[in-house]
């Protein structure tokens, strides 16, 4: 009888890929359960044995720290903004950028809020390591500033980028019960570019 073909084993994941896979599986669980998420839930979501979690991370605290760090990273959002086609009208480019930043804030605040509400207290070492989203937002701000290279502005591209981020930030805060409901990114960009005055108002 002919021999059955041997099944090829899937290539083993590198330690870095394994770590990233566990962190990615943990993110939505943290948003749902905060620090109360269990390592058995994490293992099930990642499709691995629970012991594998502890071979990659020394304890759950270290894993939660990695989740916080991942939530603050903005490289993917920066790349997405840089990939917006330059031939699109500036309004459309800014709408896509604003949507991307909103998603970044949603992920970051959802993780941090869930951990805080579940009583999570980072260690002093973790607190020093995760000083906030300043670095991530700076990368995003620089990417947005580069989008203004082909348009005339009344201010610098860097200042315009920070102003747009301020609009997005405040709009997202409203979604947390601060003031009125949020507006869509296209409405936000319309206000950013053309102001709150109706046509015919005095230009100040």
C-alpha atoms as a PDB file:
ATOM      1  CA  UNK A   1       0.000   0.000   0.000  1.00  0.00           C
ATOM      2  CA  UNK A   2       1.264   3.472  -0.771  1.00  0.00           C
ATOM      3  CA  UNK A   3       2.426   5.440   2.240  1.00  0.00           C
ATOM      4  CA  UNK A   4       0.192   8.250   3.431  1.00  0.00           C
ATOM      5  CA  UNK A   5       1.766  11.682   2.993  1.00  0.00           C
ATOM      6  CA  UNK A   6       3.085  13.078   6.206  1.00  0.00           C
ATOM      7  CA  UNK A   7       1.315  16.111   7.557  1.00  0.00           C
ATOM      8  CA  UNK A   8       3.474  19.149   7.738  1.00  0.00           C
ATOM      9  CA  UNK A   9       3.622  20.789  11.116  1.00  0.00           C
ATOM     10  CA  UNK A  10       2.942  24.463  11.277  1.00  0.00           C
ATOM     11  CA  UNK A  11       6.139  26.397  11.928  1.00  0.00           C
ATOM     12  CA  UNK A  12       6.685  27.191  15.590  1.00  0.00           C
ATOM     13  CA  UNK A  13       6.018  30.768  16.612  1.00  0.00           C
ATOM     14  CA  UNK A  14       8.959  32.897  17.657  1.00  0.00           C
ATOM     15  CA  UNK A  15       8.973  34.109  21.283  1.00  0.00           C
ATOM     16  CA  UNK A  16       8.155  37.623  20.075  1.00  0.00           C
ATOM     17  CA  UNK A  17       5.213  36.420  17.968  1.00  0.00           C
ATOM     18  CA  UNK A  18       3.935  34.255  20.829  1.00  0.00           C
ATOM     19  CA  UNK A  19       4.118  37.197  23.207  1.00  0.00           C
ATOM     20  CA  UNK A  20       2.275  39.462  20.772  1.00  0.00           C
ATOM     21  CA  UNK A  21      -0.419  36.823  20.157  1.00  0.00           C
ATOM     22  CA  UNK A  22      -1.087  36.500  23.890  1.00  0.00           C
ATOM     23  CA  UNK A  23      -1.233  40.267  24.337  1.00  0.00           C
ATOM     24  CA  UNK A  24      -3.626  40.632  21.402  1.00  0.00           C
ATOM     25  CA  UNK A  25      -5.883  37.892  22.817  1.00  0.00           C
ATOM     26  CA  UNK A  26      -5.821  39.573  26.241  1.00  0.00           C
ATOM     27  CA  UNK A  27      -6.728  43.090  25.074  1.00  0.00           C
ATOM     28  CA  UNK A  28     -10.484  42.536  24.525  1.00  0.00           C
ATOM     29  CA  UNK A  29     -10.693  40.470  27.709  1.00  0.00           C
ATOM     30  CA  UNK A  30      -9.188  43.334  29.706  1.00  0.00           C
ATOM     31  CA  UNK A  31     -11.682  45.755  28.156  1.00  0.00           C
ATOM     32  CA  UNK A  32     -14.482  43.429  29.301  1.00  0.00           C
ATOM     33  CA  UNK A  33     -13.241  42.307  32.735  1.00  0.00           C
ATOM     34  CA  UNK A  34     -10.382  44.628  33.623  1.00  0.00           C
ATOM     35  CA  UNK A  35      -7.785  43.181  35.983  1.00  0.00           C
ATOM     36  CA  UNK A  36     -10.246  40.432  36.955  1.00  0.00           C
ATOM     37  CA  UNK A  37      -9.525  38.516  33.759  1.00  0.00           C
ATOM     38  CA  UNK A  38      -8.063  35.083  34.541  1.00  0.00           C
ATOM     39  CA  UNK A  39      -5.118  33.385  32.907  1.00  0.00           C
ATOM     40  CA  UNK A  40      -7.396  30.468  31.993  1.00  0.00           C
ATOM     41  CA  UNK A  41      -9.615  32.876  30.036  1.00  0.00           C
ATOM     42  CA  UNK A  42      -6.541  34.324  28.369  1.00  0.00           C
ATOM     43  CA  UNK A  43      -5.212  30.881  27.437  1.00  0.00           C
ATOM     44  CA  UNK A  44      -8.567  29.858  25.959  1.00  0.00           C
ATOM     45  CA  UNK A  45      -8.766  33.055  23.907  1.00  0.00           C
ATOM     46  CA  UNK A  46      -5.209  32.596  22.641  1.00  0.00           C
ATOM     47  CA  UNK A  47      -5.736  28.892  21.910  1.00  0.00           C
ATOM     48  CA  UNK A  48      -2.867  27.786  24.138  1.00  0.00           C
ATOM     49  CA  UNK A  49      -2.350  25.887  27.383  1.00  0.00           C
ATOM     50  CA  UNK A  50      -2.485  28.008  30.527  1.00  0.00           C
ATOM     51  CA  UNK A  51       1.065  27.026  31.358  1.00  0.00           C
ATOM     52  CA  UNK A  52       2.258  28.664  28.140  1.00  0.00           C
ATOM     53  CA  UNK A  53       1.122  32.038  29.479  1.00  0.00           C
ATOM     54  CA  UNK A  54       3.522  31.664  32.393  1.00  0.00           C
ATOM     55  CA  UNK A  55       6.349  30.570  30.138  1.00  0.00           C
ATOM     56  CA  UNK A  56       6.052  33.864  28.300  1.00  0.00           C
ATOM     57  CA  UNK A  57       5.155  36.148  31.221  1.00  0.00           C
ATOM     58  CA  UNK A  58       6.365  35.636  34.775  1.00  0.00           C
ATOM     59  CA  UNK A  59       2.912  36.512  36.178  1.00  0.00           C
ATOM     60  CA  UNK A  60      -0.386  38.171  35.291  1.00  0.00           C
ATOM     61  CA  UNK A  61       0.891  41.563  36.420  1.00  0.00           C
ATOM     62  CA  UNK A  62       3.615  41.472  33.780  1.00  0.00           C
ATOM     63  CA  UNK A  63       1.050  40.498  31.147  1.00  0.00           C
ATOM     64  CA  UNK A  64      -1.244  43.370  32.148  1.00  0.00           C
ATOM     65  CA  UNK A  65       1.720  45.709  31.874  1.00  0.00           C
ATOM     66  CA  UNK A  66       2.362  44.445  28.341  1.00  0.00           C
ATOM     67  CA  UNK A  67      -1.311  45.003  27.485  1.00  0.00           C
ATOM     68  CA  UNK A  68      -1.077  48.611  28.685  1.00  0.00           C
ATOM     69  CA  UNK A  69       2.069  49.141  26.653  1.00  0.00           C
ATOM     70  CA  UNK A  70       0.387  47.668  23.566  1.00  0.00           C
ATOM     71  CA  UNK A  71      -2.675  49.874  24.030  1.00  0.00           C
ATOM     72  CA  UNK A  72      -0.470  52.972  24.081  1.00  0.00           C
ATOM     73  CA  UNK A  73       1.544  52.066  20.975  1.00  0.00           C
ATOM     74  CA  UNK A  74       0.557  54.083  17.924  1.00  0.00           C
ATOM     75  CA  UNK A  75       2.814  52.703  15.180  1.00  0.00           C
ATOM     76  CA  UNK A  76      -0.110  51.047  13.386  1.00  0.00           C
ATOM     77  CA  UNK A  77      -2.173  54.242  13.451  1.00  0.00           C
ATOM     78  CA  UNK A  78       0.825  56.274  12.299  1.00  0.00           C
ATOM     79  CA  UNK A  79       1.345  53.909   9.354  1.00  0.00           C
ATOM     80  CA  UNK A  80      -2.355  54.007   8.489  1.00  0.00           C
ATOM     81  CA  UNK A  81      -2.331  57.809   8.390  1.00  0.00           C
ATOM     82  CA  UNK A  82       0.836  57.891   6.270  1.00  0.00           C
ATOM     83  CA  UNK A  83      -0.782  55.433   3.846  1.00  0.00           C
ATOM     84  CA  UNK A  84      -3.753  57.735   3.105  1.00  0.00           C
ATOM     85  CA  UNK A  85      -3.418  58.619  -0.616  1.00  0.00           C
ATOM     86  CA  UNK A  86      -2.052  62.150  -1.066  1.00  0.00           C
ATOM     87  CA  UNK A  87      -4.190  62.670  -4.172  1.00  0.00           C
ATOM     88  CA  UNK A  88      -7.385  62.667  -2.091  1.00  0.00           C
ATOM     89  CA  UNK A  89      -8.874  66.055  -1.139  1.00  0.00           C
ATOM     90  CA  UNK A  90      -7.531  67.326   2.184  1.00  0.00           C
ATOM     91  CA  UNK A  91     -10.999  67.072   3.744  1.00  0.00           C
ATOM     92  CA  UNK A  92     -11.225  63.372   2.948  1.00  0.00           C
ATOM     93  CA  UNK A  93      -7.687  62.724   4.142  1.00  0.00           C
ATOM     94  CA  UNK A  94      -8.393  64.437   7.457  1.00  0.00           C
ATOM     95  CA  UNK A  95     -11.635  62.502   7.926  1.00  0.00           C
ATOM     96  CA  UNK A  96      -9.714  59.236   7.578  1.00  0.00           C
ATOM     97  CA  UNK A  97      -7.031  60.509   9.954  1.00  0.00           C
ATOM     98  CA  UNK A  98      -9.624  61.615  12.517  1.00  0.00           C
ATOM     99  CA  UNK A  99     -11.304  58.204  12.339  1.00  0.00           C
ATOM    100  CA  UNK A 100      -7.934  56.524  12.914  1.00  0.00           C
ATOM    101  CA  UNK A 101      -7.142  58.705  15.934  1.00  0.00           C
ATOM    102  CA  UNK A 102     -10.614  58.056  17.371  1.00  0.00           C
ATOM    103  CA  UNK A 103      -9.951  54.321  17.167  1.00  0.00           C
ATOM    104  CA  UNK A 104      -6.622  54.773  18.944  1.00  0.00           C
ATOM    105  CA  UNK A 105      -8.246  56.747  21.774  1.00  0.00           C
ATOM    106  CA  UNK A 106     -11.047  54.200  22.012  1.00  0.00           C
ATOM    107  CA  UNK A 107      -8.597  51.326  22.485  1.00  0.00           C
ATOM    108  CA  UNK A 108      -6.379  53.193  24.906  1.00  0.00           C
ATOM    109  CA  UNK A 109      -9.149  54.581  27.113  1.00  0.00           C
ATOM    110  CA  UNK A 110     -11.139  51.341  27.085  1.00  0.00           C
ATOM    111  CA  UNK A 111      -8.153  49.393  28.421  1.00  0.00           C
ATOM    112  CA  UNK A 112      -7.111  51.982  30.988  1.00  0.00           C
ATOM    113  CA  UNK A 113     -10.691  52.619  32.135  1.00  0.00           C
ATOM    114  CA  UNK A 114     -11.478  48.920  32.595  1.00  0.00           C
ATOM    115  CA  UNK A 115      -8.302  48.365  34.613  1.00  0.00           C
ATOM    116  CA  UNK A 116      -8.976  51.375  36.797  1.00  0.00           C
ATOM    117  CA  UNK A 117     -12.597  50.378  37.456  1.00  0.00           C
ATOM    118  CA  UNK A 118     -11.505  46.866  38.455  1.00  0.00           C
ATOM    119  CA  UNK A 119      -9.138  48.277  41.073  1.00  0.00           C
ATOM    120  CA  UNK A 120      -5.890  47.703  39.197  1.00  0.00           C
ATOM    121  CA  UNK A 121      -2.955  49.455  40.853  1.00  0.00           C
ATOM    122  CA  UNK A 122       0.245  49.416  38.772  1.00  0.00           C
ATOM    123  CA  UNK A 123       3.497  48.977  40.616  1.00  0.00           C
ATOM    124  CA  UNK A 124       5.877  51.912  40.901  1.00  0.00           C
ATOM    125  CA  UNK A 125       8.036  50.304  38.217  1.00  0.00           C
ATOM    126  CA  UNK A 126       5.088  49.973  35.853  1.00  0.00           C
ATOM    127  CA  UNK A 127       3.971  53.532  36.600  1.00  0.00           C
ATOM    128  CA  UNK A 128       7.387  54.838  35.592  1.00  0.00           C
ATOM    129  CA  UNK A 129       7.393  52.661  32.461  1.00  0.00           C
ATOM    130  CA  UNK A 130       3.926  53.727  31.247  1.00  0.00           C
ATOM    131  CA  UNK A 131       3.849  57.502  31.623  1.00  0.00           C
ATOM    132  CA  UNK A 132       0.922  57.961  29.286  1.00  0.00           C
ATOM    133  CA  UNK A 133       0.189  58.309  25.588  1.00  0.00           C
ATOM    134  CA  UNK A 134       2.395  61.351  24.944  1.00  0.00           C
ATOM    135  CA  UNK A 135       4.880  59.506  22.730  1.00  0.00           C
ATOM    136  CA  UNK A 136       2.127  57.759  20.787  1.00  0.00           C
ATOM    137  CA  UNK A 137       0.166  60.953  20.225  1.00  0.00           C
ATOM    138  CA  UNK A 138       3.323  62.789  19.136  1.00  0.00           C
ATOM    139  CA  UNK A 139       3.929  60.208  16.402  1.00  0.00           C
ATOM    140  CA  UNK A 140       0.336  60.603  15.225  1.00  0.00           C
ATOM    141  CA  UNK A 141       0.568  64.402  15.372  1.00  0.00           C
ATOM    142  CA  UNK A 142       3.697  64.386  13.212  1.00  0.00           C
ATOM    143  CA  UNK A 143       2.016  62.111  10.645  1.00  0.00           C
ATOM    144  CA  UNK A 144      -0.990  64.447  10.451  1.00  0.00           C
ATOM    145  CA  UNK A 145       1.245  67.532  10.154  1.00  0.00           C
ATOM    146  CA  UNK A 146       2.860  65.960   7.077  1.00  0.00           C
ATOM    147  CA  UNK A 147      -0.583  65.846   5.437  1.00  0.00           C
ATOM    148  CA  UNK A 148      -0.718  69.656   5.318  1.00  0.00           C
ATOM    149  CA  UNK A 149       2.345  69.979   3.092  1.00  0.00           C
ATOM    150  CA  UNK A 150       0.317  70.702  -0.053  1.00  0.00           C
ATOM    151  CA  UNK A 151      -2.224  73.191   1.354  1.00  0.00           C
ATOM    152  CA  UNK A 152      -2.029  76.814   2.503  1.00  0.00           C
ATOM    153  CA  UNK A 153      -2.563  77.283   6.211  1.00  0.00           C
ATOM    154  CA  UNK A 154      -3.031  80.226   8.552  1.00  0.00           C
ATOM    155  CA  UNK A 155      -0.739  78.492  11.046  1.00  0.00           C
ATOM    156  CA  UNK A 156       2.076  75.941  10.990  1.00  0.00           C
ATOM    157  CA  UNK A 157       1.361  72.322   9.990  1.00  0.00           C
ATOM    158  CA  UNK A 158       2.422  71.208  13.469  1.00  0.00           C
ATOM    159  CA  UNK A 159       0.000  73.589  15.158  1.00  0.00           C
ATOM    160  CA  UNK A 160      -2.814  72.617  12.785  1.00  0.00           C
ATOM    161  CA  UNK A 161      -2.212  68.939  13.587  1.00  0.00           C
ATOM    162  CA  UNK A 162      -2.379  69.623  17.327  1.00  0.00           C
ATOM    163  CA  UNK A 163      -5.594  71.588  16.880  1.00  0.00           C
ATOM    164  CA  UNK A 164      -7.207  68.743  14.963  1.00  0.00           C
ATOM    165  CA  UNK A 165      -6.127  66.286  17.660  1.00  0.00           C
ATOM    166  CA  UNK A 166      -7.679  68.603  20.239  1.00  0.00           C
ATOM    167  CA  UNK A 167     -10.979  68.447  18.320  1.00  0.00           C
ATOM    168  CA  UNK A 168     -10.823  64.640  18.179  1.00  0.00           C
ATOM    169  CA  UNK A 169      -9.841  64.365  21.843  1.00  0.00           C
ATOM    170  CA  UNK A 170     -12.682  66.595  23.042  1.00  0.00           C
ATOM    171  CA  UNK A 171     -15.164  64.849  20.763  1.00  0.00           C
ATOM    172  CA  UNK A 172     -14.163  61.481  22.224  1.00  0.00           C
ATOM    173  CA  UNK A 173     -14.533  62.828  25.779  1.00  0.00           C
ATOM    174  CA  UNK A 174     -18.152  63.643  25.004  1.00  0.00           C
ATOM    175  CA  UNK A 175     -18.682  59.949  24.336  1.00  0.00           C
ATOM    176  CA  UNK A 176     -17.749  59.318  27.982  1.00  0.00           C
ATOM    177  CA  UNK A 177     -20.674  61.319  29.262  1.00  0.00           C
ATOM    178  CA  UNK A 178     -18.908  64.688  29.173  1.00  0.00           C
ATOM    179  CA  UNK A 179     -21.363  67.053  27.516  1.00  0.00           C
ATOM    180  CA  UNK A 180     -23.319  66.192  24.402  1.00  0.00           C
ATOM    181  CA  UNK A 181     -23.002  63.164  22.170  1.00  0.00           C
ATOM    182  CA  UNK A 182     -20.101  62.828  19.743  1.00  0.00           C
ATOM    183  CA  UNK A 183     -20.197  63.914  16.106  1.00  0.00           C
ATOM    184  CA  UNK A 184     -18.996  61.954  13.094  1.00  0.00           C
ATOM    185  CA  UNK A 185     -15.429  62.505  11.825  1.00  0.00           C
ATOM    186  CA  UNK A 186     -16.699  64.279   8.697  1.00  0.00           C
ATOM    187  CA  UNK A 187     -18.626  66.786  10.831  1.00  0.00           C
ATOM    188  CA  UNK A 188     -15.592  67.221  13.045  1.00  0.00           C
ATOM    189  CA  UNK A 189     -13.313  67.977  10.101  1.00  0.00           C
ATOM    190  CA  UNK A 190     -15.894  70.376   8.655  1.00  0.00           C
ATOM    191  CA  UNK A 191     -15.848  72.373  11.890  1.00  0.00           C
ATOM    192  CA  UNK A 192     -12.058  72.208  12.074  1.00  0.00           C
ATOM    193  CA  UNK A 193     -11.521  73.496   8.549  1.00  0.00           C
ATOM    194  CA  UNK A 194     -14.362  76.028   8.293  1.00  0.00           C
ATOM    195  CA  UNK A 195     -15.216  76.980  11.883  1.00  0.00           C
ATOM    196  CA  UNK A 196     -18.516  77.194  13.715  1.00  0.00           C
ATOM    197  CA  UNK A 197     -19.775  80.380  12.039  1.00  0.00           C
ATOM    198  CA  UNK A 198     -22.298  80.124   9.220  1.00  0.00           C
ATOM    199  CA  UNK A 199     -21.296  81.631   5.878  1.00  0.00           C
ATOM    200  CA  UNK A 200     -21.529  85.383   5.888  1.00  0.00           C
ATOM    201  CA  UNK A 201     -20.136  85.754   9.393  1.00  0.00           C
ATOM    202  CA  UNK A 202     -17.318  88.146  10.216  1.00  0.00           C
ATOM    203  CA  UNK A 203     -13.847  86.743   9.674  1.00  0.00           C
ATOM    204  CA  UNK A 204     -11.887  87.262  12.852  1.00  0.00           C
END
